[in-house]
C-alpha atoms as a PDB file:
ATOM      1  CA  MET A   1     -12.113 146.025 150.702  1.00  0.00           C
ATOM      2  CA  THR A   2      -9.929 146.214 153.815  1.00  0.00           C
ATOM      3  CA  LEU A   3     -12.283 143.967 155.756  1.00  0.00           C
ATOM      4  CA  ALA A   4     -12.670 141.604 152.790  1.00  0.00           C
ATOM      5  CA  ALA A   5      -9.015 140.570 153.097  1.00  0.00           C
ATOM      6  CA  VAL A   6      -9.795 138.607 156.273  1.00  0.00           C
ATOM      7  CA  PHE A   7     -13.580 138.200 156.255  1.00  0.00           C
ATOM      8  CA  PRO A   8     -15.906 137.390 153.329  1.00  0.00           C
ATOM      9  CA  ALA A   9     -17.342 140.899 152.978  1.00  0.00           C
ATOM     10  CA  ALA A  10     -18.665 141.092 149.407  1.00  0.00           C
ATOM     11  CA  SER A  11     -15.536 142.436 147.733  1.00  0.00           C
ATOM     12  CA  GLU A  12     -16.880 141.096 144.439  1.00  0.00           C
ATOM     13  CA  VAL A  13     -20.001 143.248 144.688  1.00  0.00           C
ATOM     14  CA  THR A  14     -17.969 146.273 145.777  1.00  0.00           C
ATOM     15  CA  MET A  15     -15.643 146.103 142.789  1.00  0.00           C
ATOM     16  CA  LEU A  16     -18.482 145.297 140.350  1.00  0.00           C
ATOM     17  CA  TYR A  17     -20.448 148.296 141.562  1.00  0.00           C
ATOM     18  CA  GLY A  18     -17.365 150.536 141.444  1.00  0.00           C
ATOM     19  CA  GLY A  19     -16.683 149.492 137.859  1.00  0.00           C
ATOM     20  CA  ALA A  20     -20.306 150.071 136.846  1.00  0.00           C
ATOM     21  CA  LEU A  21     -20.283 153.455 138.563  1.00  0.00           C
ATOM     22  CA  ALA A  22     -17.059 154.385 136.749  1.00  0.00           C
ATOM     23  CA  SER A  23     -18.668 153.497 133.411  1.00  0.00           C
ATOM     24  CA  GLY A  24     -21.307 156.157 133.961  1.00  0.00           C
ATOM     25  CA  ALA A  25     -24.140 153.690 133.528  1.00  0.00           C
ATOM     26  CA  LEU A  26     -25.434 154.159 137.060  1.00  0.00           C
ATOM     27  CA  ALA A  27     -26.744 157.308 138.639  1.00  0.00           C
ATOM     28  CA  GLY A  28     -24.281 158.790 141.034  1.00  0.00           C
ATOM     29  CA  ARG A  29     -20.906 160.362 141.077  1.00  0.00           C
ATOM     30  CA  LEU A  30     -17.540 158.917 141.955  1.00  0.00           C
ATOM     31  CA  THR A  31     -15.720 161.067 144.530  1.00  0.00           C
ATOM     32  CA  LEU A  32     -12.327 160.316 146.030  1.00  0.00           C
ATOM     33  CA  PHE A  33     -10.717 162.648 148.577  1.00  0.00           C
ATOM     34  CA  GLY A  34     -12.908 165.506 147.379  1.00  0.00           C
ATOM     35  CA  HIS A  35     -12.092 165.012 143.699  1.00  0.00           C
ATOM     36  CA  HIS A  36     -15.071 164.220 141.481  1.00  0.00           C
ATOM     37  CA  PHE A  37     -14.352 161.776 138.670  1.00  0.00           C
ATOM     38  CA  HIS A  38     -16.392 161.800 135.528  1.00  0.00           C
ATOM     39  CA  GLN A  39     -17.101 158.517 133.810  1.00  0.00           C
ATOM     40  CA  GLY A  40     -14.285 156.907 131.926  1.00  0.00           C
ATOM     41  CA  PHE A  41     -10.877 155.396 132.390  1.00  0.00           C
ATOM     42  CA  SER A  42      -9.743 157.776 135.153  1.00  0.00           C
ATOM     43  CA  ALA A  43     -12.785 156.808 137.230  1.00  0.00           C
ATOM     44  CA  TYR A  44     -12.161 153.101 136.558  1.00  0.00           C
ATOM     45  CA  LEU A  45      -8.488 153.475 137.468  1.00  0.00           C
ATOM     46  CA  SER A  46      -9.378 155.236 140.726  1.00  0.00           C
ATOM     47  CA  VAL A  47     -11.793 152.436 141.650  1.00  0.00           C
ATOM     48  CA  VAL A  48      -9.098 149.828 140.978  1.00  0.00           C
ATOM     49  CA  LEU A  49      -6.385 151.712 142.879  1.00  0.00           C
ATOM     50  CA  VAL A  50      -8.562 152.290 145.934  1.00  0.00           C
ATOM     51  CA  GLY A  51      -9.674 148.649 145.891  1.00  0.00           C
ATOM     52  CA  VAL A  52      -6.066 147.440 145.643  1.00  0.00           C
ATOM     53  CA  ALA A  53      -4.892 149.785 148.408  1.00  0.00           C
ATOM     54  CA  GLY A  54      -7.703 148.852 150.790  1.00  0.00           C
ATOM     55  CA  ASN A  55      -7.440 145.132 150.174  1.00  0.00           C
ATOM     56  CA  THR A  56      -3.643 145.099 150.442  1.00  0.00           C
ATOM     57  CA  PHE A  57      -3.811 147.018 153.733  1.00  0.00           C
ATOM     58  CA  GLY A  58      -6.353 144.489 155.009  1.00  0.00           C
ATOM     59  CA  ALA A  59      -4.087 141.652 153.887  1.00  0.00           C
ATOM     60  CA  ALA A  60      -1.193 143.141 155.884  1.00  0.00           C
ATOM     61  CA  CYS A  61      -3.462 143.387 158.944  1.00  0.00           C
ATOM     62  CA  GLY A  62      -4.578 139.768 158.481  1.00  0.00           C
ATOM     63  CA  PHE A  63      -0.951 138.673 158.135  1.00  0.00           C
ATOM     64  CA  LEU A  64      -0.159 140.439 161.417  1.00  0.00           C
ATOM     65  CA  ILE A  65      -3.086 138.664 163.111  1.00  0.00           C
ATOM     66  CA  GLY A  66      -1.693 135.352 161.851  1.00  0.00           C
ATOM     67  CA  VAL A  67       1.815 136.138 163.095  1.00  0.00           C
ATOM     68  CA  ARG A  68       0.725 137.453 166.513  1.00  0.00           C
ATOM     69  CA  GLY A  69      -2.163 135.105 167.258  1.00  0.00           C
ATOM     70  CA  GLY A  70      -1.312 132.117 165.144  1.00  0.00           C
ATOM     71  CA  GLN A  71      -2.765 128.699 165.631  1.00  0.00           C
ATOM     72  CA  PRO A  72      -3.631 129.208 169.348  1.00  0.00           C
ATOM     73  CA  LEU A  73      -5.891 132.118 168.370  1.00  0.00           C
ATOM     74  CA  LEU A  74      -7.683 130.057 165.725  1.00  0.00           C
ATOM     75  CA  GLU A  75      -7.992 127.045 168.016  1.00  0.00           C
ATOM     76  CA  ARG A  76      -9.461 129.209 170.763  1.00  0.00           C
ATOM     77  CA  TYR A  77     -11.830 131.426 168.737  1.00  0.00           C
ATOM     78  CA  GLY A  78     -12.006 129.618 165.407  1.00  0.00           C
ATOM     79  CA  ARG A  79     -15.138 127.708 166.300  1.00  0.00           C
ATOM     80  CA  TYR A  80     -17.100 130.962 165.963  1.00  0.00           C
ATOM     81  CA  ALA A  81     -16.051 131.087 162.295  1.00  0.00           C
ATOM     82  CA  HIS A  82     -16.358 127.313 161.745  1.00  0.00           C
ATOM     83  CA  ILE A  83     -12.577 126.868 161.780  1.00  0.00           C
ATOM     84  CA  THR A  84     -11.617 123.429 163.023  1.00  0.00           C
ATOM     85  CA  PRO A  85      -8.161 121.916 163.579  1.00  0.00           C
ATOM     86  CA  GLN A  86      -8.781 119.829 160.448  1.00  0.00           C
ATOM     87  CA  ARG A  87      -9.371 122.975 158.388  1.00  0.00           C
ATOM     88  CA  ILE A  88      -6.196 124.515 159.781  1.00  0.00           C
ATOM     89  CA  GLU A  89      -4.259 121.405 158.734  1.00  0.00           C
ATOM     90  CA  ARG A  90      -5.883 121.555 155.289  1.00  0.00           C
ATOM     91  CA  ALA A  91      -4.824 125.196 154.917  1.00  0.00           C
ATOM     92  CA  GLU A  92      -1.263 124.284 155.863  1.00  0.00           C
ATOM     93  CA  ARG A  93      -1.217 121.496 153.262  1.00  0.00           C
ATOM     94  CA  TRP A  94      -2.578 123.948 150.686  1.00  0.00           C
ATOM     95  CA  PHE A  95       0.251 126.410 151.428  1.00  0.00           C
ATOM     96  CA  ASP A  96       2.814 123.597 151.285  1.00  0.00           C
ATOM     97  CA  ARG A  97       1.384 122.279 148.029  1.00  0.00           C
ATOM     98  CA  PHE A  98       1.144 125.579 146.136  1.00  0.00           C
ATOM     99  CA  GLY A  99       4.214 127.219 147.672  1.00  0.00           C
ATOM    100  CA  SER A 100       5.020 130.622 146.241  1.00  0.00           C
ATOM    101  CA  VAL A 101       1.814 130.864 144.163  1.00  0.00           C
ATOM    102  CA  ALA A 102      -0.505 130.207 147.123  1.00  0.00           C
ATOM    103  CA  VAL A 103      -0.784 133.864 148.126  1.00  0.00           C
ATOM    104  CA  PRO A 104      -1.293 135.522 144.708  1.00  0.00           C
ATOM    105  CA  LEU A 105      -3.570 132.706 143.536  1.00  0.00           C
ATOM    106  CA  GLY A 106      -5.573 132.891 146.758  1.00  0.00           C
ATOM    107  CA  PHE A 107      -6.043 136.670 146.591  1.00  0.00           C
ATOM    108  CA  ALA A 108      -7.013 136.539 142.909  1.00  0.00           C
ATOM    109  CA  THR A 109      -9.704 133.915 143.533  1.00  0.00           C
ATOM    110  CA  PRO A 110     -13.204 134.946 144.663  1.00  0.00           C
ATOM    111  CA  VAL A 111     -14.294 133.473 148.022  1.00  0.00           C
ATOM    112  CA  VAL A 112     -10.859 131.938 148.780  1.00  0.00           C
ATOM    113  CA  ARG A 113      -9.300 135.406 148.958  1.00  0.00           C
ATOM    114  CA  SER A 114     -10.664 136.105 152.433  1.00  0.00           C
ATOM    115  CA  PHE A 115      -8.916 133.066 153.888  1.00  0.00           C
ATOM    116  CA  VAL A 116      -5.312 133.647 152.815  1.00  0.00           C
ATOM    117  CA  ALA A 117      -3.793 136.432 154.936  1.00  0.00           C
ATOM    118  CA  ILE A 118      -4.139 134.939 158.426  1.00  0.00           C
ATOM    119  CA  PRO A 119      -2.826 131.480 157.467  1.00  0.00           C
ATOM    120  CA  ALA A 120       0.065 133.085 155.551  1.00  0.00           C
ATOM    121  CA  GLY A 121       1.127 134.849 158.742  1.00  0.00           C
ATOM    122  CA  MET A 122       0.554 131.718 160.765  1.00  0.00           C
ATOM    123  CA  PHE A 123       2.669 129.561 158.467  1.00  0.00           C
ATOM    124  CA  GLU A 124       5.466 132.145 158.454  1.00  0.00           C
ATOM    125  CA  VAL A 125       5.463 133.223 154.831  1.00  0.00           C
ATOM    126  CA  PRO A 126       8.134 135.981 154.780  1.00  0.00           C
ATOM    127  CA  PHE A 127       6.374 139.365 154.907  1.00  0.00           C
ATOM    128  CA  PRO A 128       8.123 140.976 151.896  1.00  0.00           C
ATOM    129  CA  ARG A 129       7.228 137.993 149.711  1.00  0.00           C
ATOM    130  CA  PHE A 130       3.706 137.914 151.169  1.00  0.00           C
ATOM    131  CA  ILE A 131       2.937 141.583 150.574  1.00  0.00           C
ATOM    132  CA  LEU A 132       4.265 141.577 147.000  1.00  0.00           C
ATOM    133  CA  SER A 133       2.391 138.359 146.211  1.00  0.00           C
ATOM    134  CA  ALA A 134      -0.784 139.678 147.836  1.00  0.00           C
ATOM    135  CA  LEU A 135      -0.461 142.913 145.868  1.00  0.00           C
ATOM    136  CA  GLY A 136      -0.234 140.953 142.616  1.00  0.00           C
ATOM    137  CA  GLY A 137      -3.257 138.780 143.395  1.00  0.00           C
ATOM    138  CA  VAL A 138      -5.320 141.684 144.704  1.00  0.00           C
ATOM    139  CA  ALA A 139      -4.480 143.802 141.653  1.00  0.00           C
ATOM    140  CA  ALA A 140      -5.509 141.022 139.265  1.00  0.00           C
ATOM    141  CA  PHE A 141      -8.780 140.580 141.164  1.00  0.00           C
ATOM    142  CA  CYS A 142      -9.617 144.292 141.291  1.00  0.00           C
ATOM    143  CA  VAL A 143      -8.749 144.944 137.636  1.00  0.00           C
ATOM    144  CA  ALA A 144     -10.815 141.965 136.475  1.00  0.00           C
ATOM    145  CA  ILE A 145     -13.900 142.428 138.630  1.00  0.00           C
ATOM    146  CA  ALA A 146     -14.061 146.229 138.233  1.00  0.00           C
ATOM    147  CA  GLY A 147     -13.529 145.668 134.489  1.00  0.00           C
ATOM    148  CA  ILE A 148     -16.513 143.331 134.414  1.00  0.00           C
ATOM    149  CA  GLY A 149     -18.548 145.998 136.227  1.00  0.00           C
ATOM    150  CA  TRP A 150     -17.409 148.653 133.788  1.00  0.00           C
ATOM    151  CA  ALA A 151     -18.161 146.454 130.770  1.00  0.00           C
ATOM    152  CA  ALA A 152     -21.523 145.387 132.141  1.00  0.00           C
ATOM    153  CA  GLY A 153     -22.447 149.005 132.833  1.00  0.00           C
ATOM    154  CA  SER A 154     -26.082 149.407 133.722  1.00  0.00           C
ATOM    155  CA  SER A 155     -26.685 145.651 133.681  1.00  0.00           C
ATOM    156  CA  TRP A 156     -24.226 145.059 136.512  1.00  0.00           C
ATOM    157  CA  HIS A 157     -26.918 143.279 138.555  1.00  0.00           C
ATOM    158  CA  SER A 158     -27.025 140.441 136.020  1.00  0.00           C
ATOM    159  CA  ALA A 159     -23.197 140.301 135.912  1.00  0.00           C
ATOM    160  CA  ARG A 160     -23.176 139.977 139.706  1.00  0.00           C
ATOM    161  CA  HIS A 161     -25.751 137.200 139.426  1.00  0.00           C
ATOM    162  CA  ASP A 162     -23.617 135.356 136.836  1.00  0.00           C
ATOM    163  CA  LEU A 163     -20.435 135.820 138.894  1.00  0.00           C
ATOM    164  CA  GLN A 164     -22.191 134.266 141.880  1.00  0.00           C
ATOM    165  CA  TYR A 165     -22.168 130.896 140.088  1.00  0.00           C
ATOM    166  CA  VAL A 166     -18.418 131.217 139.574  1.00  0.00           C
ATOM    167  CA  GLU A 167     -18.078 131.841 143.329  1.00  0.00           C
ATOM    168  CA  TYR A 168     -20.100 128.696 144.051  1.00  0.00           C
ATOM    169  CA  ALA A 169     -17.944 126.625 141.688  1.00  0.00           C
ATOM    170  CA  VAL A 170     -14.722 127.926 143.272  1.00  0.00           C
ATOM    171  CA  ALA A 171     -16.058 127.302 146.775  1.00  0.00           C
ATOM    172  CA  ALA A 172     -17.082 123.757 145.825  1.00  0.00           C
ATOM    173  CA  ALA A 173     -13.658 123.112 144.266  1.00  0.00           C
ATOM    174  CA  VAL A 174     -11.852 124.400 147.361  1.00  0.00           C
END
């Protein structure tokens, strides 16, 4: 989840699987810092909290990359990630257009969520506002996706398959 804040690293699958594991529908045990959770709400809550903590930490790291490296970093190395000057301008317009809801909306949205932290640092969103907004968006994402995994239980593979179409629709809209 930390890596997923700045790189599309399957955070959807991670949270779906965590929710399904917390439901007790899958074989395996949920262990956090040596504590074994049995199925149920405490296991679900631990999955959500760890997902939120990891993703928020990753968001703070991405913000720092944006502040320290900024546009020169993306112009120099962005081509390796298919980032062009036009895409940087589009991201800036997106931040200008959505203002204070850009960060929480971005972190709550599958696919888009990995491309919010670095531009937020680059475009000088104040850090306290950024981290609180990111925390809100990340929490909404983790609660929802882990909840889907928990509800889907043992059929989490089909839920992941169905969610993939939502990801495609969001990516096409963006």
